[in-house]
Amino acid sequence: MTRAVCPGSYDPPTNGHLDIIERAAALFDEVAVAVLVNKSKRGLFTVEERMGLLAETVAHLPNVRVDSWHGLLVEYCARNDVQAIVKGLRAVSDFDYELQMAQMNQGLTGVETMFMPTKPENSFLSSSLVKEVATYGGEVAHLLPPTVHKALMARIEANRAD
């Protein structure tokens, strides 16, 4: 059985994330979508909330499961018998950063990294940009799965009320 992991912060999950996950699911027997915990980032959604949003978003993919991890990604791969890390690339700047991580991960444990170029319509899409645009009243529904859009707008409204 071939296993892959699609790691990320997913705060929130976007249509770009979903595209990469769906494409990975077509290539591997099992795909874990791992919400990585980064202590230096304060997310809009908790890890548990992101996992819930992702679970709803990928429910149509029978070979995809949602998980979380705190620590080195290669340790996650070793513990879960994952052969490949799948990363989406939007631009050359993504490649510069991701290549160094891929080489480090391969050197540490031998796990391989696959890079998938995003579809052109998602090449500008990032969770941070979506949150910023939505916070200032811009329309982002076309950039997010419907469940995620609803949760994002509710969270922004709740934050405005505070």
C-alpha atoms as a PDB file:
ATOM      1  CA  MET A   1       0.000   0.000   0.000  1.00  0.00           C
ATOM      2  CA  THR A   2       1.370   3.409  -0.936  1.00  0.00           C
ATOM      3  CA  ARG A   3       0.780   6.197   1.541  1.00  0.00           C
ATOM      4  CA  ALA A   4       1.291   9.928   1.222  1.00  0.00           C
ATOM      5  CA  VAL A   5       0.812  12.914   3.468  1.00  0.00           C
ATOM      6  CA  CYS A   6      -0.371  16.383   2.469  1.00  0.00           C
ATOM      7  CA  PRO A   7       0.872  18.556   5.342  1.00  0.00           C
ATOM      8  CA  GLY A   8      -0.105  22.135   6.078  1.00  0.00           C
ATOM      9  CA  SER A   9      -1.594  24.571   8.516  1.00  0.00           C
ATOM     10  CA  TYR A  10      -4.898  24.719   6.597  1.00  0.00           C
ATOM     11  CA  ASP A  11      -6.056  27.890   8.348  1.00  0.00           C
ATOM     12  CA  PRO A  12      -8.502  27.754   6.578  1.00  0.00           C
ATOM     13  CA  PRO A  13      -8.521  25.012   3.920  1.00  0.00           C
ATOM     14  CA  THR A  14      -8.912  26.520   0.430  1.00  0.00           C
ATOM     15  CA  ASN A  15      -9.952  25.205  -2.964  1.00  0.00           C
ATOM     16  CA  GLY A  16      -6.233  25.103  -3.783  1.00  0.00           C
ATOM     17  CA  HIS A  17      -5.619  22.735  -0.876  1.00  0.00           C
ATOM     18  CA  LEU A  18      -8.571  20.593  -1.932  1.00  0.00           C
ATOM     19  CA  ASP A  19      -7.266  20.363  -5.511  1.00  0.00           C
ATOM     20  CA  ILE A  20      -3.869  19.054  -4.352  1.00  0.00           C
ATOM     21  CA  ILE A  21      -5.489  16.593  -1.931  1.00  0.00           C
ATOM     22  CA  GLU A  22      -7.834  15.244  -4.631  1.00  0.00           C
ATOM     23  CA  ARG A  23      -4.967  14.817  -7.080  1.00  0.00           C
ATOM     24  CA  ALA A  24      -2.834  13.051  -4.451  1.00  0.00           C
ATOM     25  CA  ALA A  25      -5.771  10.765  -3.631  1.00  0.00           C
ATOM     26  CA  ALA A  26      -5.830   9.671  -7.279  1.00  0.00           C
ATOM     27  CA  LEU A  27      -2.150   8.662  -7.109  1.00  0.00           C
ATOM     28  CA  PHE A  28      -1.831   6.954  -3.720  1.00  0.00           C
ATOM     29  CA  ASP A  29      -3.716   4.186  -1.958  1.00  0.00           C
ATOM     30  CA  GLU A  30      -4.043   6.280   1.190  1.00  0.00           C
ATOM     31  CA  VAL A  31      -3.543   9.991   1.824  1.00  0.00           C
ATOM     32  CA  ALA A  32      -3.302  11.621   5.225  1.00  0.00           C
ATOM     33  CA  VAL A  33      -4.071  15.316   5.398  1.00  0.00           C
ATOM     34  CA  ALA A  34      -1.973  16.391   8.363  1.00  0.00           C
ATOM     35  CA  VAL A  35      -2.693  19.654  10.126  1.00  0.00           C
ATOM     36  CA  LEU A  36       0.698  20.666  11.443  1.00  0.00           C
ATOM     37  CA  VAL A  37       0.940  22.502  14.737  1.00  0.00           C
ATOM     38  CA  ASN A  38       3.193  25.546  14.545  1.00  0.00           C
ATOM     39  CA  LYS A  39       3.720  27.256  17.905  1.00  0.00           C
ATOM     40  CA  SER A  40       4.932  30.437  16.205  1.00  0.00           C
ATOM     41  CA  LYS A  41       1.613  30.918  14.380  1.00  0.00           C
ATOM     42  CA  ARG A  42      -1.662  31.857  16.000  1.00  0.00           C
ATOM     43  CA  GLY A  43      -4.408  30.431  13.845  1.00  0.00           C
ATOM     44  CA  LEU A  44      -7.849  31.851  13.239  1.00  0.00           C
ATOM     45  CA  PHE A  45      -9.203  28.329  13.764  1.00  0.00           C
ATOM     46  CA  THR A  46      -8.047  25.786  16.331  1.00  0.00           C
ATOM     47  CA  VAL A  47      -6.360  22.616  15.117  1.00  0.00           C
ATOM     48  CA  GLU A  48      -9.506  20.679  15.977  1.00  0.00           C
ATOM     49  CA  GLU A  49     -11.682  23.106  14.009  1.00  0.00           C
ATOM     50  CA  ARG A  50      -9.368  22.870  10.986  1.00  0.00           C
ATOM     51  CA  MET A  51      -9.477  19.083  11.203  1.00  0.00           C
ATOM     52  CA  GLY A  52     -13.283  19.203  11.265  1.00  0.00           C
ATOM     53  CA  LEU A  53     -13.434  21.523   8.263  1.00  0.00           C
ATOM     54  CA  LEU A  54     -11.018  19.303   6.370  1.00  0.00           C
ATOM     55  CA  ALA A  55     -12.938  16.136   7.283  1.00  0.00           C
ATOM     56  CA  GLU A  56     -16.122  17.638   5.804  1.00  0.00           C
ATOM     57  CA  THR A  57     -14.231  18.897   2.754  1.00  0.00           C
ATOM     58  CA  VAL A  58     -12.632  15.527   1.906  1.00  0.00           C
ATOM     59  CA  ALA A  59     -15.534  13.282   2.931  1.00  0.00           C
ATOM     60  CA  HIS A  60     -16.085  12.369  -0.737  1.00  0.00           C
ATOM     61  CA  LEU A  61     -12.581  10.822  -0.918  1.00  0.00           C
ATOM     62  CA  PRO A  62     -12.679   7.335   0.647  1.00  0.00           C
ATOM     63  CA  ASN A  63      -8.888   6.944   0.771  1.00  0.00           C
ATOM     64  CA  VAL A  64      -8.233  10.247   2.566  1.00  0.00           C
ATOM     65  CA  ARG A  65      -8.102  10.737   6.323  1.00  0.00           C
ATOM     66  CA  VAL A  66      -7.439  13.828   8.408  1.00  0.00           C
ATOM     67  CA  ASP A  67      -4.867  13.888  11.172  1.00  0.00           C
ATOM     68  CA  SER A  68      -2.720  16.344  13.103  1.00  0.00           C
ATOM     69  CA  TRP A  69       0.919  16.357  14.118  1.00  0.00           C
ATOM     70  CA  HIS A  70       3.222  18.304  16.382  1.00  0.00           C
ATOM     71  CA  GLY A  71       6.872  17.683  15.606  1.00  0.00           C
ATOM     72  CA  LEU A  72       9.014  16.775  12.638  1.00  0.00           C
ATOM     73  CA  LEU A  73       7.042  15.736   9.583  1.00  0.00           C
ATOM     74  CA  VAL A  74       9.509  12.922   8.878  1.00  0.00           C
ATOM     75  CA  GLU A  75       8.678  11.447  12.297  1.00  0.00           C
ATOM     76  CA  TYR A  76       5.010  11.454  11.302  1.00  0.00           C
ATOM     77  CA  CYS A  77       5.953   9.672   8.075  1.00  0.00           C
ATOM     78  CA  ALA A  78       7.971   7.033   9.932  1.00  0.00           C
ATOM     79  CA  ARG A  79       5.237   6.352  12.494  1.00  0.00           C
ATOM     80  CA  ASN A  80       2.550   6.073   9.834  1.00  0.00           C
ATOM     81  CA  ASP A  81       4.512   4.210   7.126  1.00  0.00           C
ATOM     82  CA  VAL A  82       4.203   7.166   4.737  1.00  0.00           C
ATOM     83  CA  GLN A  83       6.383   6.944   1.632  1.00  0.00           C
ATOM     84  CA  ALA A  84       5.822  10.416   0.178  1.00  0.00           C
ATOM     85  CA  ILE A  85       5.116  13.988   1.161  1.00  0.00           C
ATOM     86  CA  VAL A  86       2.940  15.843  -1.349  1.00  0.00           C
ATOM     87  CA  LYS A  87       3.264  19.615  -1.592  1.00  0.00           C
ATOM     88  CA  GLY A  88       1.512  22.056  -3.881  1.00  0.00           C
ATOM     89  CA  LEU A  89       3.603  24.749  -5.546  1.00  0.00           C
ATOM     90  CA  ARG A  90       2.143  28.082  -6.584  1.00  0.00           C
ATOM     91  CA  ALA A  91       5.262  29.955  -7.674  1.00  0.00           C
ATOM     92  CA  VAL A  92       9.038  29.753  -7.929  1.00  0.00           C
ATOM     93  CA  SER A  93       9.299  31.243  -4.439  1.00  0.00           C
ATOM     94  CA  ASP A  94       7.407  28.205  -3.083  1.00  0.00           C
ATOM     95  CA  PHE A  95       9.870  25.903  -4.834  1.00  0.00           C
ATOM     96  CA  ASP A  96      12.923  27.635  -3.348  1.00  0.00           C
ATOM     97  CA  TYR A  97      11.580  27.132   0.166  1.00  0.00           C
ATOM     98  CA  GLU A  98      10.085  23.660  -0.319  1.00  0.00           C
ATOM     99  CA  LEU A  99      13.158  22.236  -2.081  1.00  0.00           C
ATOM    100  CA  GLN A 100      15.326  22.833   0.990  1.00  0.00           C
ATOM    101  CA  MET A 101      12.781  21.098   3.214  1.00  0.00           C
ATOM    102  CA  ALA A 102      12.436  18.202   0.764  1.00  0.00           C
ATOM    103  CA  GLN A 103      16.189  17.690   0.665  1.00  0.00           C
ATOM    104  CA  MET A 104      16.434  17.828   4.462  1.00  0.00           C
ATOM    105  CA  ASN A 105      13.559  15.347   4.870  1.00  0.00           C
ATOM    106  CA  GLN A 106      15.051  12.975   2.304  1.00  0.00           C
ATOM    107  CA  GLY A 107      18.439  13.206   3.975  1.00  0.00           C
ATOM    108  CA  LEU A 108      17.022  12.539   7.443  1.00  0.00           C
ATOM    109  CA  THR A 109      14.870   9.511   6.676  1.00  0.00           C
ATOM    110  CA  GLY A 110      14.725   8.846   2.936  1.00  0.00           C
ATOM    111  CA  VAL A 111      11.113   9.984   2.601  1.00  0.00           C
ATOM    112  CA  GLU A 112      10.498  11.524  -0.798  1.00  0.00           C
ATOM    113  CA  THR A 113       8.651  14.747  -1.572  1.00  0.00           C
ATOM    114  CA  MET A 114       6.454  15.161  -4.630  1.00  0.00           C
ATOM    115  CA  PHE A 115       5.716  18.644  -5.890  1.00  0.00           C
ATOM    116  CA  MET A 116       2.444  19.319  -7.691  1.00  0.00           C
ATOM    117  CA  PRO A 117       1.966  22.580  -9.505  1.00  0.00           C
ATOM    118  CA  THR A 118      -1.295  24.248  -8.627  1.00  0.00           C
ATOM    119  CA  LYS A 119      -3.863  24.805 -11.289  1.00  0.00           C
ATOM    120  CA  PRO A 120      -3.539  28.315 -12.752  1.00  0.00           C
ATOM    121  CA  GLU A 121      -6.791  29.443 -11.142  1.00  0.00           C
ATOM    122  CA  ASN A 122      -5.301  28.656  -7.710  1.00  0.00           C
ATOM    123  CA  SER A 123      -1.802  30.033  -8.288  1.00  0.00           C
ATOM    124  CA  PHE A 124      -2.402  33.155  -6.179  1.00  0.00           C
ATOM    125  CA  LEU A 125      -4.442  31.458  -3.479  1.00  0.00           C
ATOM    126  CA  SER A 126      -3.246  31.328   0.123  1.00  0.00           C
ATOM    127  CA  SER A 127      -5.096  30.962   3.408  1.00  0.00           C
ATOM    128  CA  SER A 128      -3.537  34.194   4.665  1.00  0.00           C
ATOM    129  CA  LEU A 129      -4.697  36.174   1.643  1.00  0.00           C
ATOM    130  CA  VAL A 130      -8.211  34.707   1.836  1.00  0.00           C
ATOM    131  CA  LYS A 131      -8.482  35.662   5.536  1.00  0.00           C
ATOM    132  CA  GLU A 132      -7.256  39.195   4.845  1.00  0.00           C
ATOM    133  CA  VAL A 133      -9.630  39.787   1.936  1.00  0.00           C
ATOM    134  CA  ALA A 134     -12.587  38.348   3.870  1.00  0.00           C
ATOM    135  CA  THR A 135     -11.779  40.453   6.933  1.00  0.00           C
ATOM    136  CA  TYR A 136     -12.063  43.615   4.818  1.00  0.00           C
ATOM    137  CA  GLY A 137     -15.355  42.535   3.267  1.00  0.00           C
ATOM    138  CA  GLY A 138     -14.077  41.096  -0.004  1.00  0.00           C
ATOM    139  CA  GLU A 139     -15.859  38.167  -1.620  1.00  0.00           C
ATOM    140  CA  VAL A 140     -14.027  34.873  -1.139  1.00  0.00           C
ATOM    141  CA  ALA A 141     -16.785  32.270  -1.519  1.00  0.00           C
ATOM    142  CA  HIS A 142     -15.383  31.124  -4.873  1.00  0.00           C
ATOM    143  CA  LEU A 143     -12.007  30.396  -3.237  1.00  0.00           C
ATOM    144  CA  LEU A 144     -13.232  28.086  -0.478  1.00  0.00           C
ATOM    145  CA  PRO A 145     -15.298  24.940  -0.062  1.00  0.00           C
ATOM    146  CA  PRO A 146     -18.825  26.025   1.027  1.00  0.00           C
ATOM    147  CA  THR A 147     -18.501  24.667   4.586  1.00  0.00           C
ATOM    148  CA  VAL A 148     -15.205  26.485   5.040  1.00  0.00           C
ATOM    149  CA  HIS A 149     -16.617  29.733   3.678  1.00  0.00           C
ATOM    150  CA  LYS A 150     -19.523  29.590   6.117  1.00  0.00           C
ATOM    151  CA  ALA A 151     -17.182  28.917   9.057  1.00  0.00           C
ATOM    152  CA  LEU A 152     -14.783  31.679   8.003  1.00  0.00           C
ATOM    153  CA  MET A 153     -17.493  34.298   7.724  1.00  0.00           C
ATOM    154  CA  ALA A 154     -18.954  33.272  11.094  1.00  0.00           C
ATOM    155  CA  ARG A 155     -15.518  33.521  12.735  1.00  0.00           C
ATOM    156  CA  ILE A 156     -14.852  36.948  11.232  1.00  0.00           C
ATOM    157  CA  GLU A 157     -18.260  38.164  12.457  1.00  0.00           C
ATOM    158  CA  ALA A 158     -17.613  36.776  15.917  1.00  0.00           C
ATOM    159  CA  ASN A 159     -14.230  38.511  16.043  1.00  0.00           C
ATOM    160  CA  ARG A 160     -15.812  41.827  15.007  1.00  0.00           C
ATOM    161  CA  ALA A 161     -18.306  41.492  17.870  1.00  0.00           C
ATOM    162  CA  ASP A 162     -15.528  41.018  20.409  1.00  0.00           C
END
